[in-house]
N, C-alpha and C. Protein backbone atom coordinates (compact mmCIF):
# COMPACT_ATOMS: atom_id res chain seq x y z
N MET A 1 -15.72 -4.94 17.35
CA MET A 1 -15.20 -5.69 16.41
C MET A 1 -16.51 -6.33 15.79
N THR A 2 -16.47 -6.50 14.39
CA THR A 2 -17.57 -7.22 13.91
C THR A 2 -16.69 -8.38 13.02
N LYS A 3 -17.00 -9.56 13.09
CA LYS A 3 -16.27 -10.59 12.35
C LYS A 3 -16.95 -10.58 10.85
N ILE A 4 -16.12 -10.50 10.03
CA ILE A 4 -16.28 -10.50 8.50
C ILE A 4 -16.06 -11.75 7.96
N LEU A 5 -15.32 -12.63 8.32
CA LEU A 5 -15.13 -14.11 7.71
C LEU A 5 -14.83 -15.22 8.82
N ASP A 6 -15.50 -16.09 8.81
CA ASP A 6 -15.23 -17.43 9.46
C ASP A 6 -14.07 -18.02 8.92
N PHE A 7 -12.98 -18.37 9.52
CA PHE A 7 -11.89 -18.89 9.04
C PHE A 7 -10.85 -19.35 10.13
N ARG A 8 -10.33 -20.63 9.90
CA ARG A 8 -9.48 -21.19 11.10
C ARG A 8 -8.02 -21.26 10.32
N SER A 9 -7.52 -20.31 11.26
CA SER A 9 -5.69 -20.22 10.52
C SER A 9 -5.07 -21.09 11.85
N PRO A 10 -3.90 -21.85 11.22
CA PRO A 10 -3.09 -22.58 11.99
C PRO A 10 -2.44 -21.81 13.32
N GLN A 11 -2.46 -22.30 14.46
CA GLN A 11 -1.98 -21.56 15.58
C GLN A 11 -0.59 -21.80 15.88
N GLU A 12 -0.06 -22.67 15.20
CA GLU A 12 1.46 -23.47 15.33
C GLU A 12 2.31 -22.15 14.72
N HIS A 13 3.43 -21.93 15.36
CA HIS A 13 4.52 -21.32 14.69
C HIS A 13 5.22 -22.09 13.58
N TYR A 14 5.72 -21.58 12.58
CA TYR A 14 6.20 -22.37 11.58
C TYR A 14 7.62 -21.97 11.20
N HIS A 15 8.16 -22.84 10.58
CA HIS A 15 9.73 -22.64 10.30
C HIS A 15 9.76 -22.92 8.78
N ASN A 16 10.82 -22.22 8.08
CA ASN A 16 11.07 -22.46 6.77
C ASN A 16 12.56 -22.13 6.51
N GLN A 17 12.53 -22.39 5.17
CA GLN A 17 14.29 -22.20 4.70
C GLN A 17 14.33 -20.94 3.75
N GLU A 18 13.40 -20.18 3.48
CA GLU A 18 13.61 -19.14 2.27
C GLU A 18 12.59 -18.26 2.58
N ALA A 19 13.05 -16.98 2.11
CA ALA A 19 12.31 -15.92 1.96
C ALA A 19 12.58 -15.11 0.60
N PHE A 20 11.57 -14.19 0.32
CA PHE A 20 11.58 -13.61 -1.11
C PHE A 20 11.57 -12.43 -0.62
N LEU A 21 12.46 -11.40 -1.00
CA LEU A 21 12.46 -9.89 -0.99
C LEU A 21 12.29 -9.53 -2.75
N TRP A 22 10.60 -9.35 -2.73
CA TRP A 22 10.27 -9.24 -4.28
C TRP A 22 9.30 -8.09 -4.45
N CYS A 23 9.36 -7.54 -5.58
CA CYS A 23 8.50 -6.56 -6.19
C CYS A 23 7.13 -7.11 -6.29
N PRO A 24 5.83 -6.16 -5.59
CA PRO A 24 4.57 -6.95 -5.71
C PRO A 24 3.86 -6.78 -7.25
N ASP A 25 4.79 -6.40 -8.05
CA ASP A 25 4.34 -6.22 -9.41
C ASP A 25 3.58 -7.30 -10.02
N GLN A 26 2.19 -7.36 -10.24
CA GLN A 26 1.49 -8.42 -10.45
C GLN A 26 2.03 -9.43 -11.75
N ARG A 27 2.76 -8.53 -12.80
CA ARG A 27 3.35 -9.49 -13.86
C ARG A 27 4.33 -10.54 -13.51
N PHE A 28 4.73 -10.49 -12.16
CA PHE A 28 5.80 -11.33 -11.94
C PHE A 28 5.56 -12.35 -10.79
N GLU A 29 4.04 -11.97 -10.29
CA GLU A 29 3.51 -12.91 -9.20
C GLU A 29 3.68 -14.40 -9.58
N ASP A 30 3.12 -14.77 -10.60
CA ASP A 30 3.07 -16.14 -10.98
C ASP A 30 4.36 -16.76 -11.23
N VAL A 31 5.51 -16.00 -11.53
CA VAL A 31 6.61 -16.56 -11.64
C VAL A 31 7.22 -16.98 -10.50
N ARG A 32 6.85 -15.94 -9.30
CA ARG A 32 7.32 -16.11 -8.04
C ARG A 32 6.62 -17.38 -7.37
N HIS A 33 5.55 -17.56 -7.64
CA HIS A 33 4.80 -19.02 -7.11
C HIS A 33 5.45 -20.45 -7.89
N ALA A 34 5.65 -20.17 -9.09
CA ALA A 34 6.27 -21.28 -9.90
C ALA A 34 7.42 -21.43 -9.29
N PHE A 35 8.42 -20.49 -8.98
CA PHE A 35 9.65 -20.72 -8.51
C PHE A 35 9.65 -21.40 -7.12
N ALA A 36 8.80 -20.63 -6.28
CA ALA A 36 8.65 -21.45 -5.16
C ALA A 36 8.15 -23.22 -5.24
N LYS A 37 7.13 -23.27 -5.98
CA LYS A 37 6.94 -24.67 -6.19
C LYS A 37 7.72 -25.82 -6.88
N ALA A 38 8.67 -24.95 -7.86
CA ALA A 38 9.70 -25.82 -8.21
C ALA A 38 11.00 -26.06 -7.45
N GLY A 39 11.14 -25.01 -6.43
CA GLY A 39 12.09 -25.19 -5.65
C GLY A 39 11.55 -25.99 -4.22
N ASN A 40 10.28 -26.54 -4.11
CA ASN A 40 10.03 -27.10 -3.16
C ASN A 40 9.87 -26.52 -1.78
N PHE A 41 9.71 -25.02 -2.04
CA PHE A 41 9.57 -24.18 -0.76
C PHE A 41 8.23 -24.34 -0.21
N THR A 42 8.17 -24.54 0.94
CA THR A 42 6.78 -24.92 1.47
C THR A 42 6.00 -23.67 2.10
N LYS A 43 6.92 -22.84 2.85
CA LYS A 43 6.24 -21.50 3.28
C LYS A 43 7.28 -20.46 3.24
N PRO A 44 7.68 -20.05 1.93
CA PRO A 44 8.60 -18.98 1.87
C PRO A 44 7.91 -17.67 2.49
N ASP A 45 8.67 -17.02 3.18
CA ASP A 45 8.11 -15.60 3.49
C ASP A 45 8.34 -14.38 2.44
N PRO A 46 7.15 -13.78 2.31
CA PRO A 46 7.10 -12.88 1.07
C PRO A 46 7.25 -11.38 2.04
N ILE A 47 8.74 -10.80 1.11
CA ILE A 47 8.47 -9.36 1.88
C ILE A 47 8.59 -8.59 0.58
N LEU A 48 7.22 -8.05 0.23
CA LEU A 48 6.95 -7.37 -0.78
C LEU A 48 7.28 -5.90 -0.71
N ILE A 49 7.98 -5.29 -1.41
CA ILE A 49 8.48 -4.08 -1.63
C ILE A 49 8.42 -3.50 -3.05
N PRO A 50 7.70 -2.31 -3.30
CA PRO A 50 7.55 -1.98 -4.47
C PRO A 50 9.10 -1.60 -5.23
N GLY A 51 9.52 -2.08 -6.08
CA GLY A 51 10.70 -1.97 -6.48
C GLY A 51 11.84 -3.20 -6.27
N GLY A 52 11.38 -4.04 -5.40
CA GLY A 52 12.19 -5.09 -4.72
C GLY A 52 13.27 -4.38 -4.19
N VAL A 53 14.67 -4.81 -4.55
CA VAL A 53 15.60 -4.30 -3.97
C VAL A 53 16.07 -2.86 -4.30
N LYS A 54 15.28 -2.38 -5.17
CA LYS A 54 15.91 -1.00 -5.44
C LYS A 54 15.67 -0.15 -4.09
N ALA A 55 14.77 -0.16 -3.36
CA ALA A 55 14.61 0.36 -2.00
C ALA A 55 15.78 0.33 -1.01
N LEU A 56 16.53 -0.86 -1.30
CA LEU A 56 17.79 -0.78 -0.54
C LEU A 56 18.93 -0.22 -1.11
N VAL A 57 18.91 -0.37 -2.52
CA VAL A 57 19.89 0.15 -3.24
C VAL A 57 20.00 1.98 -3.23
N ALA A 58 18.91 2.49 -3.69
CA ALA A 58 18.55 3.75 -3.96
C ALA A 58 17.19 4.32 -3.10
N PRO A 59 16.97 4.26 -1.95
CA PRO A 59 15.96 4.58 -1.16
C PRO A 59 15.53 6.09 -1.48
N LYS A 60 14.13 6.21 -1.35
CA LYS A 60 13.75 7.77 -1.33
C LYS A 60 13.90 8.40 -0.12
N ASP A 61 14.15 7.56 0.86
CA ASP A 61 14.43 8.00 2.34
C ASP A 61 15.28 6.85 2.89
N PRO A 62 16.36 7.44 3.76
CA PRO A 62 17.39 6.58 4.28
C PRO A 62 16.65 5.41 5.07
N ARG A 63 15.44 5.81 5.67
CA ARG A 63 14.86 4.86 6.71
C ARG A 63 14.14 3.78 6.00
N ASP A 64 13.94 3.92 4.75
CA ASP A 64 13.56 2.69 3.77
C ASP A 64 14.40 1.35 3.67
N ARG A 65 15.71 1.81 3.57
CA ARG A 65 16.88 0.74 3.77
C ARG A 65 16.69 0.20 5.22
N GLU A 66 16.90 0.78 6.15
CA GLU A 66 16.75 0.28 7.53
C GLU A 66 15.63 -0.51 7.60
N PHE A 67 14.21 -0.19 7.16
CA PHE A 67 13.07 -0.70 7.36
C PHE A 67 13.06 -2.01 6.83
N ILE A 68 13.71 -2.37 5.49
CA ILE A 68 13.68 -3.38 4.81
C ILE A 68 14.51 -4.47 5.75
N LEU A 69 15.75 -3.97 6.13
CA LEU A 69 16.74 -4.80 6.47
C LEU A 69 16.12 -5.12 7.85
N GLU A 70 15.29 -4.67 8.72
CA GLU A 70 14.85 -4.99 9.76
C GLU A 70 13.69 -5.98 9.76
N GLN A 71 13.09 -5.93 8.54
CA GLN A 71 11.98 -6.71 8.09
C GLN A 71 12.53 -8.12 8.07
N ILE A 72 13.78 -8.15 7.25
CA ILE A 72 14.46 -9.42 6.77
C ILE A 72 14.87 -9.95 8.37
N GLU A 73 15.52 -9.09 9.12
CA GLU A 73 15.77 -9.66 10.75
C GLU A 73 14.82 -10.50 11.21
N VAL A 74 13.60 -9.47 11.34
CA VAL A 74 12.68 -10.18 12.03
C VAL A 74 11.96 -11.49 11.60
N LEU A 75 11.78 -11.38 10.06
CA LEU A 75 11.34 -12.64 9.61
C LEU A 75 12.21 -14.01 9.92
N MET A 76 13.54 -13.52 10.05
CA MET A 76 14.53 -14.60 10.16
C MET A 76 14.06 -15.39 11.42
N GLY A 77 13.42 -15.10 12.33
CA GLY A 77 12.61 -15.80 13.31
C GLY A 77 12.11 -16.80 13.05
N HIS A 78 11.62 -16.93 11.62
CA HIS A 78 10.87 -18.24 11.18
C HIS A 78 11.81 -19.16 10.55
N GLY A 79 13.09 -19.06 10.92
CA GLY A 79 14.32 -19.83 10.49
C GLY A 79 14.88 -19.76 9.27
N PHE A 80 14.43 -19.04 8.41
CA PHE A 80 14.74 -19.11 6.92
C PHE A 80 16.33 -18.64 6.89
N THR A 81 17.24 -19.46 6.21
CA THR A 81 18.55 -19.27 5.92
C THR A 81 18.97 -18.64 4.50
N THR A 82 17.88 -18.72 3.61
CA THR A 82 18.38 -18.17 2.32
C THR A 82 17.14 -17.19 2.02
N LEU A 83 17.54 -16.06 1.38
CA LEU A 83 16.86 -14.90 0.97
C LEU A 83 17.07 -14.82 -0.49
N TYR A 84 15.81 -14.70 -1.43
CA TYR A 84 15.94 -14.39 -2.75
C TYR A 84 15.64 -13.01 -3.01
N ALA A 85 16.57 -12.16 -3.33
CA ALA A 85 16.34 -10.84 -3.76
C ALA A 85 16.20 -10.59 -4.93
N MET A 86 15.10 -9.89 -5.35
CA MET A 86 14.60 -9.91 -6.72
C MET A 86 14.41 -8.54 -7.30
N ALA A 87 14.70 -8.19 -8.44
CA ALA A 87 14.59 -6.88 -9.37
C ALA A 87 13.91 -7.43 -10.74
N HIS A 88 13.14 -6.60 -11.20
CA HIS A 88 12.69 -7.22 -12.50
C HIS A 88 12.50 -6.29 -13.65
N MET A 89 12.70 -6.68 -14.83
CA MET A 89 12.57 -5.76 -15.90
C MET A 89 11.36 -4.96 -16.03
N ASN A 90 11.79 -3.70 -16.56
CA ASN A 90 10.90 -2.39 -16.72
C ASN A 90 9.98 -2.36 -15.37
N CYS A 91 10.93 -2.03 -14.42
CA CYS A 91 10.19 -1.72 -13.20
C CYS A 91 9.86 -0.24 -13.05
N ALA A 92 8.74 0.14 -12.67
CA ALA A 92 8.28 1.32 -12.59
C ALA A 92 9.02 2.12 -11.31
N ALA A 93 9.40 1.32 -10.53
CA ALA A 93 10.21 2.09 -9.44
C ALA A 93 11.55 2.52 -9.99
N CYS A 94 11.94 1.82 -10.89
CA CYS A 94 13.28 2.31 -11.68
C CYS A 94 13.14 3.02 -12.89
N GLY A 95 12.00 3.70 -13.00
CA GLY A 95 11.73 4.48 -14.18
C GLY A 95 11.37 3.85 -15.22
N GLY A 96 10.94 2.34 -15.30
CA GLY A 96 10.81 1.59 -16.53
C GLY A 96 12.19 1.32 -17.28
N ASN A 97 13.11 1.28 -16.60
CA ASN A 97 14.47 0.77 -17.23
C ASN A 97 14.33 -0.52 -17.82
N THR A 98 14.75 -0.73 -18.80
CA THR A 98 15.04 -2.03 -19.69
C THR A 98 16.13 -2.46 -19.86
N ASP A 99 17.29 -1.85 -19.27
CA ASP A 99 18.65 -2.41 -19.23
C ASP A 99 19.06 -3.43 -18.31
N ARG A 100 19.16 -4.73 -18.81
CA ARG A 100 19.61 -5.66 -18.09
C ARG A 100 20.83 -5.59 -16.93
N ALA A 101 21.93 -4.89 -17.61
CA ALA A 101 23.15 -4.46 -17.03
C ALA A 101 22.71 -3.74 -15.67
N PHE A 102 21.84 -2.70 -16.08
CA PHE A 102 21.42 -1.68 -14.63
C PHE A 102 20.86 -2.58 -13.51
N TYR A 103 20.00 -3.62 -13.87
CA TYR A 103 19.41 -4.40 -12.85
C TYR A 103 20.49 -5.30 -12.02
N GLU A 104 21.23 -5.75 -13.08
CA GLU A 104 22.34 -6.64 -12.78
C GLU A 104 23.24 -6.08 -11.34
N GLU A 105 23.76 -4.74 -11.91
CA GLU A 105 24.32 -4.10 -10.92
C GLU A 105 23.56 -3.72 -9.58
N MET A 106 22.25 -3.33 -9.75
CA MET A 106 21.59 -3.05 -8.74
C MET A 106 21.58 -4.34 -7.62
N LEU A 107 21.20 -5.23 -8.43
CA LEU A 107 21.26 -6.70 -7.55
C LEU A 107 22.43 -6.90 -6.76
N LYS A 108 23.56 -6.64 -7.20
CA LYS A 108 24.72 -7.15 -6.69
C LYS A 108 24.86 -5.91 -5.57
N THR A 109 24.69 -4.86 -5.75
CA THR A 109 24.65 -3.82 -4.61
C THR A 109 24.00 -4.19 -3.53
N ALA A 110 22.70 -4.32 -3.90
CA ALA A 110 21.78 -4.91 -2.87
C ALA A 110 22.25 -6.11 -2.05
N GLY A 111 22.92 -6.99 -2.79
CA GLY A 111 23.39 -8.25 -2.01
C GLY A 111 24.55 -7.85 -1.06
N GLU A 112 25.51 -6.89 -1.34
CA GLU A 112 26.56 -6.45 -0.55
C GLU A 112 25.87 -5.84 0.75
N ILE A 113 24.79 -5.01 0.47
CA ILE A 113 24.32 -4.39 1.40
C ILE A 113 23.48 -5.29 2.53
N ILE A 114 22.66 -6.35 1.96
CA ILE A 114 22.37 -7.41 2.96
C ILE A 114 23.33 -8.01 3.56
N ARG A 115 24.10 -8.57 2.83
CA ARG A 115 25.38 -9.43 3.49
C ARG A 115 26.33 -8.64 4.55
N ALA A 116 26.58 -7.33 4.26
CA ALA A 116 27.17 -6.55 5.40
C ALA A 116 26.38 -6.42 6.58
N ARG A 117 24.84 -6.48 6.71
CA ARG A 117 24.20 -6.40 7.73
C ARG A 117 23.84 -7.87 8.74
N ILE A 118 23.57 -8.82 7.58
CA ILE A 118 23.46 -10.01 7.82
C ILE A 118 24.47 -11.07 7.20
N PRO A 119 25.77 -11.23 7.59
CA PRO A 119 26.49 -12.08 7.04
C PRO A 119 26.38 -13.56 7.05
N ASN A 120 25.51 -13.90 7.97
CA ASN A 120 25.12 -15.45 7.97
C ASN A 120 23.84 -15.73 7.06
N LEU A 121 23.63 -15.06 6.32
CA LEU A 121 22.30 -15.32 5.63
C LEU A 121 22.75 -15.59 4.13
N ASN A 122 22.31 -16.48 3.50
CA ASN A 122 22.52 -17.03 2.25
C ASN A 122 21.66 -16.06 1.14
N VAL A 123 22.55 -15.01 0.54
CA VAL A 123 21.50 -14.07 -0.34
C VAL A 123 21.66 -14.68 -1.83
N ARG A 124 20.56 -15.03 -2.65
CA ARG A 124 20.58 -15.26 -3.95
C ARG A 124 19.74 -14.06 -4.66
N LEU A 125 20.64 -13.80 -5.63
CA LEU A 125 20.10 -12.62 -6.58
C LEU A 125 19.31 -12.84 -7.66
N ILE A 126 18.01 -12.55 -7.92
CA ILE A 126 17.24 -12.94 -8.94
C ILE A 126 16.70 -11.80 -9.64
N PHE A 127 16.85 -11.97 -11.03
CA PHE A 127 16.54 -10.91 -11.92
C PHE A 127 15.22 -11.68 -12.85
N ALA A 128 14.04 -10.85 -12.68
CA ALA A 128 12.77 -11.56 -13.46
C ALA A 128 12.83 -10.78 -14.66
N ASP A 129 12.54 -11.63 -15.63
CA ASP A 129 12.27 -11.11 -17.10
C ASP A 129 10.94 -11.56 -17.54
N TYR A 130 10.68 -11.27 -18.69
CA TYR A 130 9.19 -11.59 -19.04
C TYR A 130 9.27 -13.11 -19.49
N ASP A 131 10.59 -13.60 -19.84
CA ASP A 131 10.75 -15.10 -20.20
C ASP A 131 11.00 -15.96 -19.08
N GLY A 132 11.28 -15.67 -17.70
CA GLY A 132 11.94 -16.24 -16.80
C GLY A 132 12.55 -15.71 -15.83
N LEU A 133 13.18 -16.44 -14.91
CA LEU A 133 14.11 -15.92 -13.92
C LEU A 133 15.60 -16.07 -13.95
N TYR A 134 16.41 -15.29 -13.61
CA TYR A 134 17.93 -15.35 -13.95
C TYR A 134 18.47 -15.36 -12.44
N GLU A 135 19.64 -15.96 -12.12
CA GLU A 135 20.07 -15.73 -11.14
C GLU A 135 21.66 -14.81 -11.42
N VAL A 136 21.80 -13.86 -10.79
CA VAL A 136 22.90 -12.96 -11.02
C VAL A 136 23.99 -13.70 -10.22
């Protein structure tokens, strides 16, 4: 193994209160960081999945849903109690859909799926549009 960068990472385990299930679309990356800063979230765990909640609601493969739910459960070891689940306007994973009602229904369904599996988790549903974030 060859070292390619000298860097010291903290060795202590951390605890947080929040996690994000978010689409990695770079158009919405800055608003995710702004939201975390505005909410004073110190170390939110990002779960970045193309399409965000779409893979829970309409997975291409049933294992996709299980994988995401398992990632949420594993990351809960960091202590978070709130998950911000996101969908965004004009998402390629959703065929570029621009109908807000479509995303609202998808978010509600995703919330039901997550709450059924992890009932003690506070799930907040977030829709990202080009002008900001909306809570469903």
